[in-house]
Amino acid sequence: MSFYGMYVDIIGPIICSIIGGIFTVGGVYLTIVYEKNKEKEEIKQANKPLFYLLHPMQDYDREVAVTYAISSGKKDYEYKIQGIFKNTEKSIIIIDYILVGNKKYYSRNGDVIDKDKIFYLDIYLDEKIQENVGINLFIKDIFNNQYQYRLELEKLKNRDASMVKVMEEIY
């Protein structure tokens, strides 16, 4: 048997089957990784906290609303921001922190907001903020996935305080 005949009958098919096997294993691996990531994303979306902003003039049960105070921990504060929110029945919210500019403020009196609750978010800042400063709310779900929301403020007339007027999710 010549070398060409041996190559065509033995070596060629072995090399082709090895290459085909490598591509098959690679394809199966990529499929498994894709499906795992897809499943994680589905779980994340199924447990994503959904809550929305209430307008102060809107009719809501003020007596059952719970207040969550967020501050730097100092007793004195210079500026207050308040928002009124309602959590849906979808999942629990865990307040991580608020980022104002480059400074983090944490919850002083608890950070877990149960399902279907109306809550006030009172943010006590150490200093007055500029109009264009970024205020971001960071929350978590029960699987420790973090979500970020940008808050826009409306200055209250004749007061050193602001109300949250817009909440936008940042991905």
N, C-alpha and C. Protein backbone atom coordinates (compact mmCIF):
# COMPACT_ATOMS: atom_id res chain seq x y z
N MET A 1 0.83 -1.16 0.00
CA MET A 1 0.00 0.00 0.00
C MET A 1 0.89 1.24 0.00
N SER A 2 0.58 2.15 -0.88
CA SER A 2 1.36 3.38 -0.98
C SER A 2 0.96 4.35 0.14
N PHE A 3 1.81 5.39 0.29
CA PHE A 3 1.53 6.40 1.32
C PHE A 3 0.21 7.09 1.03
N TYR A 4 -0.05 7.40 -0.22
CA TYR A 4 -1.30 8.06 -0.60
C TYR A 4 -2.50 7.18 -0.25
N GLY A 5 -2.42 5.93 -0.53
CA GLY A 5 -3.50 5.00 -0.23
C GLY A 5 -3.72 4.88 1.27
N MET A 6 -2.62 4.84 2.03
CA MET A 6 -2.71 4.75 3.47
C MET A 6 -3.33 6.05 4.04
N TYR A 7 -2.95 7.17 3.47
CA TYR A 7 -3.51 8.46 3.92
C TYR A 7 -5.01 8.50 3.66
N VAL A 8 -5.44 8.12 2.49
CA VAL A 8 -6.85 8.16 2.12
C VAL A 8 -7.66 7.16 2.94
N ASP A 9 -7.13 6.01 3.21
CA ASP A 9 -7.89 4.96 3.89
C ASP A 9 -7.81 5.03 5.42
N ILE A 10 -6.70 5.53 5.99
CA ILE A 10 -6.53 5.45 7.45
C ILE A 10 -6.32 6.83 8.10
N ILE A 11 -5.29 7.53 7.72
CA ILE A 11 -4.90 8.77 8.39
C ILE A 11 -5.92 9.88 8.15
N GLY A 12 -6.37 10.06 6.95
CA GLY A 12 -7.34 11.11 6.61
C GLY A 12 -8.62 11.01 7.43
N PRO A 13 -9.28 9.84 7.46
CA PRO A 13 -10.50 9.72 8.27
C PRO A 13 -10.26 9.94 9.77
N ILE A 14 -9.10 9.50 10.27
CA ILE A 14 -8.81 9.70 11.70
C ILE A 14 -8.67 11.20 12.00
N ILE A 15 -7.92 11.90 11.17
CA ILE A 15 -7.74 13.35 11.36
C ILE A 15 -9.08 14.07 11.24
N CYS A 16 -9.88 13.72 10.27
CA CYS A 16 -11.20 14.35 10.09
C CYS A 16 -12.12 14.07 11.28
N SER A 17 -12.08 12.84 11.80
CA SER A 17 -12.95 12.53 12.95
C SER A 17 -12.48 13.26 14.21
N ILE A 18 -11.16 13.44 14.37
CA ILE A 18 -10.65 14.20 15.52
C ILE A 18 -11.09 15.66 15.42
N ILE A 19 -10.94 16.26 14.25
CA ILE A 19 -11.35 17.66 14.04
C ILE A 19 -12.86 17.79 14.26
N GLY A 20 -13.64 16.86 13.70
CA GLY A 20 -15.09 16.89 13.89
C GLY A 20 -15.47 16.74 15.35
N GLY A 21 -14.78 15.86 16.08
CA GLY A 21 -15.04 15.68 17.51
C GLY A 21 -14.74 16.94 18.30
N ILE A 22 -13.63 17.61 17.96
CA ILE A 22 -13.26 18.86 18.66
C ILE A 22 -14.34 19.91 18.44
N PHE A 23 -14.80 20.08 17.19
CA PHE A 23 -15.85 21.06 16.91
C PHE A 23 -17.16 20.69 17.59
N THR A 24 -17.48 19.40 17.67
CA THR A 24 -18.71 18.96 18.34
C THR A 24 -18.64 19.27 19.83
N VAL A 25 -17.52 18.92 20.48
CA VAL A 25 -17.36 19.21 21.91
C VAL A 25 -17.41 20.72 22.15
N GLY A 26 -16.75 21.50 21.29
CA GLY A 26 -16.79 22.97 21.43
C GLY A 26 -18.20 23.51 21.28
N GLY A 27 -18.96 22.98 20.32
CA GLY A 27 -20.34 23.42 20.13
C GLY A 27 -21.23 23.07 21.31
N VAL A 28 -21.05 21.88 21.85
CA VAL A 28 -21.83 21.47 23.03
C VAL A 28 -21.48 22.36 24.21
N TYR A 29 -20.20 22.65 24.42
CA TYR A 29 -19.77 23.51 25.52
C TYR A 29 -20.40 24.90 25.38
N LEU A 30 -20.33 25.50 24.19
CA LEU A 30 -20.91 26.83 23.98
C LEU A 30 -22.42 26.83 24.20
N THR A 31 -23.09 25.76 23.80
CA THR A 31 -24.53 25.64 24.03
C THR A 31 -24.84 25.58 25.51
N ILE A 32 -24.08 24.81 26.27
CA ILE A 32 -24.29 24.70 27.72
C ILE A 32 -24.06 26.05 28.39
N VAL A 33 -23.00 26.76 28.02
CA VAL A 33 -22.72 28.08 28.60
C VAL A 33 -23.84 29.05 28.27
N TYR A 34 -24.31 29.04 27.02
CA TYR A 34 -25.39 29.93 26.61
C TYR A 34 -26.67 29.64 27.39
N GLU A 35 -27.03 28.39 27.52
CA GLU A 35 -28.26 28.02 28.24
C GLU A 35 -28.16 28.35 29.73
N LYS A 36 -26.97 28.20 30.33
CA LYS A 36 -26.78 28.55 31.74
C LYS A 36 -26.98 30.06 31.94
N ASN A 37 -26.36 30.85 31.07
CA ASN A 37 -26.52 32.30 31.16
C ASN A 37 -27.96 32.72 30.93
N LYS A 38 -28.62 32.08 30.01
CA LYS A 38 -30.02 32.38 29.71
C LYS A 38 -30.89 32.05 30.93
N GLU A 39 -30.63 30.92 31.58
CA GLU A 39 -31.38 30.54 32.77
C GLU A 39 -31.15 31.51 33.92
N LYS A 40 -29.90 31.94 34.10
CA LYS A 40 -29.60 32.92 35.15
C LYS A 40 -30.35 34.23 34.90
N GLU A 41 -30.37 34.66 33.64
CA GLU A 41 -31.07 35.91 33.29
C GLU A 41 -32.57 35.77 33.51
N GLU A 42 -33.14 34.61 33.19
CA GLU A 42 -34.57 34.38 33.41
C GLU A 42 -34.90 34.41 34.91
N ILE A 43 -34.06 33.81 35.73
CA ILE A 43 -34.26 33.84 37.18
C ILE A 43 -34.15 35.27 37.69
N LYS A 44 -33.17 36.00 37.18
CA LYS A 44 -32.99 37.40 37.58
C LYS A 44 -34.21 38.23 37.22
N GLN A 45 -34.72 38.06 36.01
CA GLN A 45 -35.90 38.83 35.59
C GLN A 45 -37.15 38.42 36.36
N ALA A 46 -37.26 37.15 36.70
CA ALA A 46 -38.44 36.69 37.44
C ALA A 46 -38.45 37.24 38.87
N ASN A 47 -37.28 37.52 39.43
CA ASN A 47 -37.19 38.01 40.81
C ASN A 47 -36.80 39.48 40.89
N LYS A 48 -36.80 40.16 39.78
CA LYS A 48 -36.43 41.57 39.76
C LYS A 48 -37.46 42.40 40.53
N PRO A 49 -36.99 43.19 41.47
CA PRO A 49 -37.92 44.02 42.23
C PRO A 49 -38.59 45.05 41.33
N LEU A 50 -39.89 45.16 41.44
CA LEU A 50 -40.64 46.17 40.70
C LEU A 50 -41.31 47.10 41.70
N PHE A 51 -40.98 48.34 41.63
CA PHE A 51 -41.61 49.33 42.48
C PHE A 51 -41.73 50.60 41.65
N TYR A 52 -42.62 51.46 42.07
CA TYR A 52 -42.85 52.66 41.28
C TYR A 52 -43.04 53.86 42.20
N LEU A 53 -42.86 55.01 41.60
CA LEU A 53 -42.93 56.29 42.30
C LEU A 53 -44.39 56.73 42.40
N LEU A 54 -44.78 57.18 43.57
CA LEU A 54 -46.11 57.76 43.77
C LEU A 54 -45.98 59.27 43.84
N HIS A 55 -46.94 59.97 43.31
CA HIS A 55 -46.96 61.43 43.42
C HIS A 55 -47.58 61.79 44.77
N PRO A 56 -47.07 62.83 45.45
CA PRO A 56 -47.61 63.18 46.77
C PRO A 56 -49.10 63.51 46.76
N MET A 57 -49.63 63.96 45.64
CA MET A 57 -51.05 64.30 45.55
C MET A 57 -51.90 63.08 45.20
N GLN A 58 -51.25 61.99 44.89
CA GLN A 58 -51.96 60.76 44.54
C GLN A 58 -52.60 60.16 45.80
N ASP A 59 -53.71 59.50 45.62
CA ASP A 59 -54.39 58.90 46.76
C ASP A 59 -53.70 57.58 47.13
N TYR A 60 -53.20 57.51 48.35
CA TYR A 60 -52.58 56.29 48.86
C TYR A 60 -52.78 56.25 50.37
N ASP A 61 -52.63 55.10 50.94
CA ASP A 61 -52.86 54.91 52.37
C ASP A 61 -51.63 55.37 53.15
N ARG A 62 -51.67 56.59 53.63
CA ARG A 62 -50.53 57.18 54.34
C ARG A 62 -50.25 56.49 55.68
N GLU A 63 -51.26 55.89 56.26
CA GLU A 63 -51.12 55.31 57.59
C GLU A 63 -50.33 54.01 57.59
N VAL A 64 -50.30 53.30 56.47
CA VAL A 64 -49.55 52.05 56.42
C VAL A 64 -48.16 52.24 55.81
N ALA A 65 -47.88 53.45 55.33
CA ALA A 65 -46.58 53.72 54.72
C ALA A 65 -45.48 53.67 55.77
N VAL A 66 -44.38 53.05 55.40
CA VAL A 66 -43.22 52.91 56.29
C VAL A 66 -42.14 53.87 55.80
N THR A 67 -41.40 54.46 56.73
CA THR A 67 -40.33 55.38 56.37
C THR A 67 -38.98 54.70 56.50
N TYR A 68 -38.17 54.83 55.45
CA TYR A 68 -36.79 54.34 55.47
C TYR A 68 -35.87 55.54 55.37
N ALA A 69 -35.06 55.74 56.41
CA ALA A 69 -34.15 56.88 56.45
C ALA A 69 -32.78 56.44 55.95
N ILE A 70 -32.23 57.25 55.07
CA ILE A 70 -30.91 56.98 54.52
C ILE A 70 -30.04 58.19 54.79
N SER A 71 -28.86 57.96 55.37
CA SER A 71 -27.97 59.07 55.69
C SER A 71 -26.54 58.57 55.79
N SER A 72 -25.65 59.51 56.08
CA SER A 72 -24.24 59.16 56.25
C SER A 72 -23.96 58.67 57.67
N GLY A 73 -24.93 58.80 58.55
CA GLY A 73 -24.74 58.38 59.94
C GLY A 73 -24.55 59.55 60.89
N LYS A 74 -24.31 60.73 60.35
CA LYS A 74 -24.16 61.91 61.19
C LYS A 74 -25.54 62.37 61.65
N LYS A 75 -25.59 63.00 62.81
CA LYS A 75 -26.87 63.47 63.35
C LYS A 75 -27.36 64.71 62.59
N ASP A 76 -26.46 65.60 62.26
CA ASP A 76 -26.85 66.84 61.59
C ASP A 76 -26.89 66.61 60.08
N TYR A 77 -27.90 67.13 59.47
CA TYR A 77 -27.97 67.06 58.02
C TYR A 77 -28.36 68.42 57.48
N GLU A 78 -27.98 68.67 56.26
CA GLU A 78 -28.20 69.97 55.65
C GLU A 78 -29.36 69.97 54.67
N TYR A 79 -29.65 68.83 54.09
CA TYR A 79 -30.59 68.80 52.98
C TYR A 79 -31.35 67.48 53.01
N LYS A 80 -32.63 67.51 52.67
CA LYS A 80 -33.45 66.30 52.70
C LYS A 80 -34.11 66.08 51.34
N ILE A 81 -34.11 64.81 50.93
CA ILE A 81 -34.81 64.39 49.72
C ILE A 81 -35.81 63.33 50.15
N GLN A 82 -37.03 63.43 49.62
CA GLN A 82 -38.02 62.42 49.96
C GLN A 82 -38.69 61.88 48.70
N GLY A 83 -38.94 60.61 48.72
CA GLY A 83 -39.69 59.97 47.64
C GLY A 83 -40.72 59.04 48.23
N ILE A 84 -41.85 58.90 47.55
CA ILE A 84 -42.91 58.00 47.99
C ILE A 84 -43.03 56.91 46.93
N PHE A 85 -42.87 55.67 47.35
CA PHE A 85 -42.83 54.55 46.41
C PHE A 85 -43.80 53.47 46.85
N LYS A 86 -44.14 52.61 45.91
CA LYS A 86 -44.95 51.42 46.23
C LYS A 86 -44.28 50.21 45.60
N ASN A 87 -44.02 49.22 46.43
CA ASN A 87 -43.47 47.96 45.96
C ASN A 87 -44.62 47.10 45.45
N THR A 88 -44.39 46.35 44.39
CA THR A 88 -45.42 45.47 43.87
C THR A 88 -45.39 44.14 44.62
N GLU A 89 -46.27 43.25 44.24
CA GLU A 89 -46.32 41.94 44.87
C GLU A 89 -45.33 40.96 44.27
N LYS A 90 -44.44 41.44 43.42
CA LYS A 90 -43.53 40.55 42.71
C LYS A 90 -42.39 40.04 43.59
N SER A 91 -41.69 40.93 44.28
CA SER A 91 -40.57 40.48 45.09
C SER A 91 -40.20 41.51 46.16
N ILE A 92 -39.32 41.10 47.02
CA ILE A 92 -38.81 41.93 48.11
C ILE A 92 -37.71 42.85 47.56
N ILE A 93 -37.65 44.05 48.09
CA ILE A 93 -36.58 45.00 47.73
C ILE A 93 -35.61 45.08 48.90
N ILE A 94 -34.33 45.10 48.59
CA ILE A 94 -33.30 45.33 49.60
C ILE A 94 -32.54 46.59 49.20
N ILE A 95 -32.64 47.62 50.02
CA ILE A 95 -31.94 48.88 49.72
C ILE A 95 -30.46 48.69 50.01
N ASP A 96 -29.63 48.92 49.02
CA ASP A 96 -28.19 48.79 49.21
C ASP A 96 -27.62 50.13 49.68
N TYR A 97 -27.68 51.14 48.83
CA TYR A 97 -27.21 52.47 49.20
C TYR A 97 -27.68 53.48 48.16
N ILE A 98 -27.48 54.76 48.50
CA ILE A 98 -27.74 55.86 47.56
C ILE A 98 -26.40 56.52 47.29
N LEU A 99 -26.14 56.79 46.03
CA LEU A 99 -24.91 57.45 45.64
C LEU A 99 -25.25 58.86 45.17
N VAL A 100 -24.75 59.86 45.88
CA VAL A 100 -24.96 61.26 45.52
C VAL A 100 -23.60 61.83 45.18
N GLY A 101 -23.40 62.11 43.90
CA GLY A 101 -22.07 62.50 43.45
C GLY A 101 -21.15 61.31 43.62
N ASN A 102 -20.18 61.43 44.51
CA ASN A 102 -19.27 60.32 44.81
C ASN A 102 -19.43 59.81 46.25
N LYS A 103 -20.47 60.27 46.96
CA LYS A 103 -20.63 59.91 48.36
C LYS A 103 -21.79 58.92 48.52
N LYS A 104 -21.54 57.87 49.32
CA LYS A 104 -22.54 56.85 49.55
C LYS A 104 -23.28 57.12 50.86
N TYR A 105 -24.59 56.90 50.82
CA TYR A 105 -25.44 57.02 52.00
C TYR A 105 -26.16 55.68 52.19
N TYR A 106 -26.20 55.20 53.43
CA TYR A 106 -26.77 53.89 53.74
C TYR A 106 -28.01 54.03 54.60
N SER A 107 -28.82 52.99 54.61
CA SER A 107 -30.05 52.98 55.39
C SER A 107 -29.74 52.93 56.88
N ARG A 108 -30.47 53.73 57.65
CA ARG A 108 -30.27 53.78 59.10
C ARG A 108 -31.21 52.86 59.86
N ASN A 109 -32.35 52.57 59.30
CA ASN A 109 -33.36 51.83 60.08
C ASN A 109 -33.94 50.65 59.30
N GLY A 110 -33.08 49.86 58.71
CA GLY A 110 -33.55 48.69 57.98
C GLY A 110 -33.46 48.89 56.48
N ASP A 111 -33.34 47.79 55.78
CA ASP A 111 -33.17 47.92 54.34
C ASP A 111 -34.03 46.95 53.53
N VAL A 112 -34.85 46.15 54.19
CA VAL A 112 -35.69 45.18 53.48
C VAL A 112 -37.12 45.72 53.40
N ILE A 113 -37.63 45.82 52.18
CA ILE A 113 -38.98 46.31 51.96
C ILE A 113 -39.81 45.15 51.43
N ASP A 114 -40.82 44.79 52.18
CA ASP A 114 -41.64 43.64 51.85
C ASP A 114 -42.51 43.91 50.62
N LYS A 115 -43.10 42.85 50.11
CA LYS A 115 -43.98 42.94 48.94
C LYS A 115 -45.21 43.78 49.26
N ASP A 116 -45.69 44.49 48.26
CA ASP A 116 -46.94 45.26 48.32
C ASP A 116 -46.96 46.27 49.46
N LYS A 117 -45.85 47.00 49.63
CA LYS A 117 -45.75 48.02 50.68
C LYS A 117 -45.56 49.40 50.06
N ILE A 118 -46.19 50.38 50.69
CA ILE A 118 -45.95 51.78 50.36
C ILE A 118 -44.87 52.25 51.33
N PHE A 119 -43.88 52.97 50.79
CA PHE A 119 -42.80 53.41 51.67
C PHE A 119 -42.28 54.78 51.27
N TYR A 120 -41.85 55.52 52.29
CA TYR A 120 -41.17 56.79 52.09
C TYR A 120 -39.68 56.51 52.11
N LEU A 121 -38.97 57.12 51.22
CA LEU A 121 -37.52 57.03 51.21
C LEU A 121 -37.01 58.43 51.54
N ASP A 122 -36.57 58.63 52.78
CA ASP A 122 -36.04 59.92 53.24
C ASP A 122 -34.52 59.87 53.20
N ILE A 123 -33.94 60.73 52.39
CA ILE A 123 -32.49 60.77 52.23
C ILE A 123 -31.99 62.05 52.87
N TYR A 124 -31.16 61.91 53.89
CA TYR A 124 -30.61 63.05 54.61
C TYR A 124 -29.16 63.24 54.16
N LEU A 125 -28.90 64.38 53.52
CA LEU A 125 -27.57 64.65 52.96
C LEU A 125 -26.80 65.59 53.88
N ASP A 126 -25.49 65.43 53.88
CA ASP A 126 -24.62 66.27 54.71
C ASP A 126 -24.47 67.68 54.17
N GLU A 127 -24.71 67.84 52.90
CA GLU A 127 -24.52 69.16 52.27
C GLU A 127 -25.54 69.34 51.16
N LYS A 128 -25.78 70.59 50.82
CA LYS A 128 -26.69 70.88 49.72
C LYS A 128 -26.09 70.35 48.42
N ILE A 129 -26.96 69.96 47.53
CA ILE A 129 -26.48 69.41 46.27
C ILE A 129 -26.76 70.38 45.12
N GLN A 130 -25.95 70.24 44.11
CA GLN A 130 -26.14 71.05 42.91
C GLN A 130 -27.30 70.47 42.10
N GLU A 131 -27.86 71.26 41.21
CA GLU A 131 -29.00 70.83 40.39
C GLU A 131 -28.65 69.64 39.51
N ASN A 132 -27.43 69.58 39.00
CA ASN A 132 -27.09 68.56 38.00
C ASN A 132 -26.34 67.36 38.59
N VAL A 133 -26.26 67.24 39.90
CA VAL A 133 -25.53 66.13 40.50
C VAL A 133 -26.33 64.84 40.29
N GLY A 134 -25.60 63.76 40.06
CA GLY A 134 -26.25 62.47 39.85
C GLY A 134 -26.64 61.82 41.17
N ILE A 135 -27.90 61.41 41.27
CA ILE A 135 -28.38 60.69 42.45
C ILE A 135 -28.85 59.33 41.97
N ASN A 136 -28.17 58.29 42.45
CA ASN A 136 -28.48 56.94 42.02
C ASN A 136 -28.84 56.07 43.22
N LEU A 137 -29.93 55.33 43.07
CA LEU A 137 -30.41 54.40 44.08
C LEU A 137 -30.00 53.00 43.67
N PHE A 138 -29.31 52.30 44.56
CA PHE A 138 -28.87 50.93 44.31
C PHE A 138 -29.69 50.00 45.19
N ILE A 139 -30.35 49.03 44.57
CA ILE A 139 -31.11 48.05 45.32
C ILE A 139 -30.68 46.66 44.89
N LYS A 140 -31.07 45.67 45.72
CA LYS A 140 -30.74 44.28 45.42
C LYS A 140 -32.02 43.45 45.50
N ASP A 141 -31.97 42.29 44.84
CA ASP A 141 -33.05 41.32 45.01
C ASP A 141 -32.58 40.23 45.96
N ILE A 142 -33.40 39.21 46.14
CA ILE A 142 -33.07 38.17 47.11
C ILE A 142 -31.90 37.30 46.67
N PHE A 143 -31.52 37.37 45.39
CA PHE A 143 -30.38 36.60 44.89
C PHE A 143 -29.11 37.46 44.82
N ASN A 144 -29.15 38.64 45.44
CA ASN A 144 -28.02 39.56 45.50
C ASN A 144 -27.67 40.18 44.15
N ASN A 145 -28.61 40.19 43.21
CA ASN A 145 -28.43 40.92 41.96
C ASN A 145 -28.68 42.39 42.23
N GLN A 146 -27.83 43.26 41.70
CA GLN A 146 -27.95 44.67 41.98
C GLN A 146 -28.59 45.40 40.80
N TYR A 147 -29.44 46.38 41.12
CA TYR A 147 -30.11 47.21 40.12
C TYR A 147 -29.85 48.67 40.48
N GLN A 148 -29.79 49.50 39.47
CA GLN A 148 -29.48 50.91 39.70
C GLN A 148 -30.55 51.78 39.06
N TYR A 149 -30.99 52.80 39.81
CA TYR A 149 -32.00 53.74 39.35
C TYR A 149 -31.49 55.16 39.51
N ARG A 150 -31.72 55.97 38.50
CA ARG A 150 -31.37 57.39 38.58
C ARG A 150 -32.60 58.15 39.07
N LEU A 151 -32.39 59.02 40.05
CA LEU A 151 -33.48 59.82 40.60
C LEU A 151 -33.31 61.26 40.15
N GLU A 152 -34.41 61.85 39.68
CA GLU A 152 -34.42 63.28 39.36
C GLU A 152 -35.29 63.97 40.39
N LEU A 153 -34.89 65.16 40.78
CA LEU A 153 -35.53 65.86 41.89
C LEU A 153 -36.31 67.07 41.44
N GLU A 154 -37.28 67.42 42.28
CA GLU A 154 -38.05 68.64 42.12
C GLU A 154 -37.92 69.42 43.42
N LYS A 155 -37.36 70.61 43.35
CA LYS A 155 -37.14 71.42 44.55
C LYS A 155 -38.48 71.91 45.08
N LEU A 156 -38.69 71.75 46.38
CA LEU A 156 -39.91 72.23 47.01
C LEU A 156 -39.78 73.72 47.29
N LYS A 157 -40.82 74.45 47.00
CA LYS A 157 -40.78 75.91 47.17
C LYS A 157 -40.66 76.27 48.64
N ASN A 158 -39.82 77.25 48.92
CA ASN A 158 -39.63 77.80 50.25
C ASN A 158 -39.17 76.77 51.28
N ARG A 159 -38.52 75.69 50.82
CA ARG A 159 -38.04 74.67 51.75
C ARG A 159 -36.67 74.18 51.32
N ASP A 160 -35.93 73.72 52.29
CA ASP A 160 -34.63 73.10 52.00
C ASP A 160 -34.81 71.61 51.79
N ALA A 161 -35.62 71.25 50.84
CA ALA A 161 -35.87 69.84 50.57
C ALA A 161 -36.29 69.68 49.11
N SER A 162 -36.24 68.44 48.66
CA SER A 162 -36.66 68.11 47.30
C SER A 162 -37.47 66.83 47.34
N MET A 163 -38.32 66.68 46.35
CA MET A 163 -39.09 65.44 46.15
C MET A 163 -38.55 64.74 44.91
N VAL A 164 -38.55 63.42 44.93
CA VAL A 164 -38.17 62.65 43.75
C VAL A 164 -39.32 62.79 42.76
N LYS A 165 -39.03 63.26 41.55
CA LYS A 165 -40.10 63.41 40.57
C LYS A 165 -40.02 62.39 39.44
N VAL A 166 -38.84 61.85 39.18
CA VAL A 166 -38.67 60.86 38.12
C VAL A 166 -37.70 59.79 38.61
N MET A 167 -38.00 58.55 38.28
CA MET A 167 -37.10 57.45 38.60
C MET A 167 -36.90 56.68 37.30
N GLU A 168 -35.65 56.49 36.92
CA GLU A 168 -35.33 55.80 35.67
C GLU A 168 -34.31 54.71 35.95
N GLU A 169 -34.59 53.52 35.43
CA GLU A 169 -33.66 52.41 35.65
C GLU A 169 -32.47 52.54 34.72
N ILE A 170 -31.29 52.25 35.27
CA ILE A 170 -30.04 52.24 34.51
C ILE A 170 -29.57 50.80 34.44
N TYR A 171 -29.23 50.36 33.29
CA TYR A 171 -28.77 48.96 33.15
C TYR A 171 -27.29 48.84 33.31
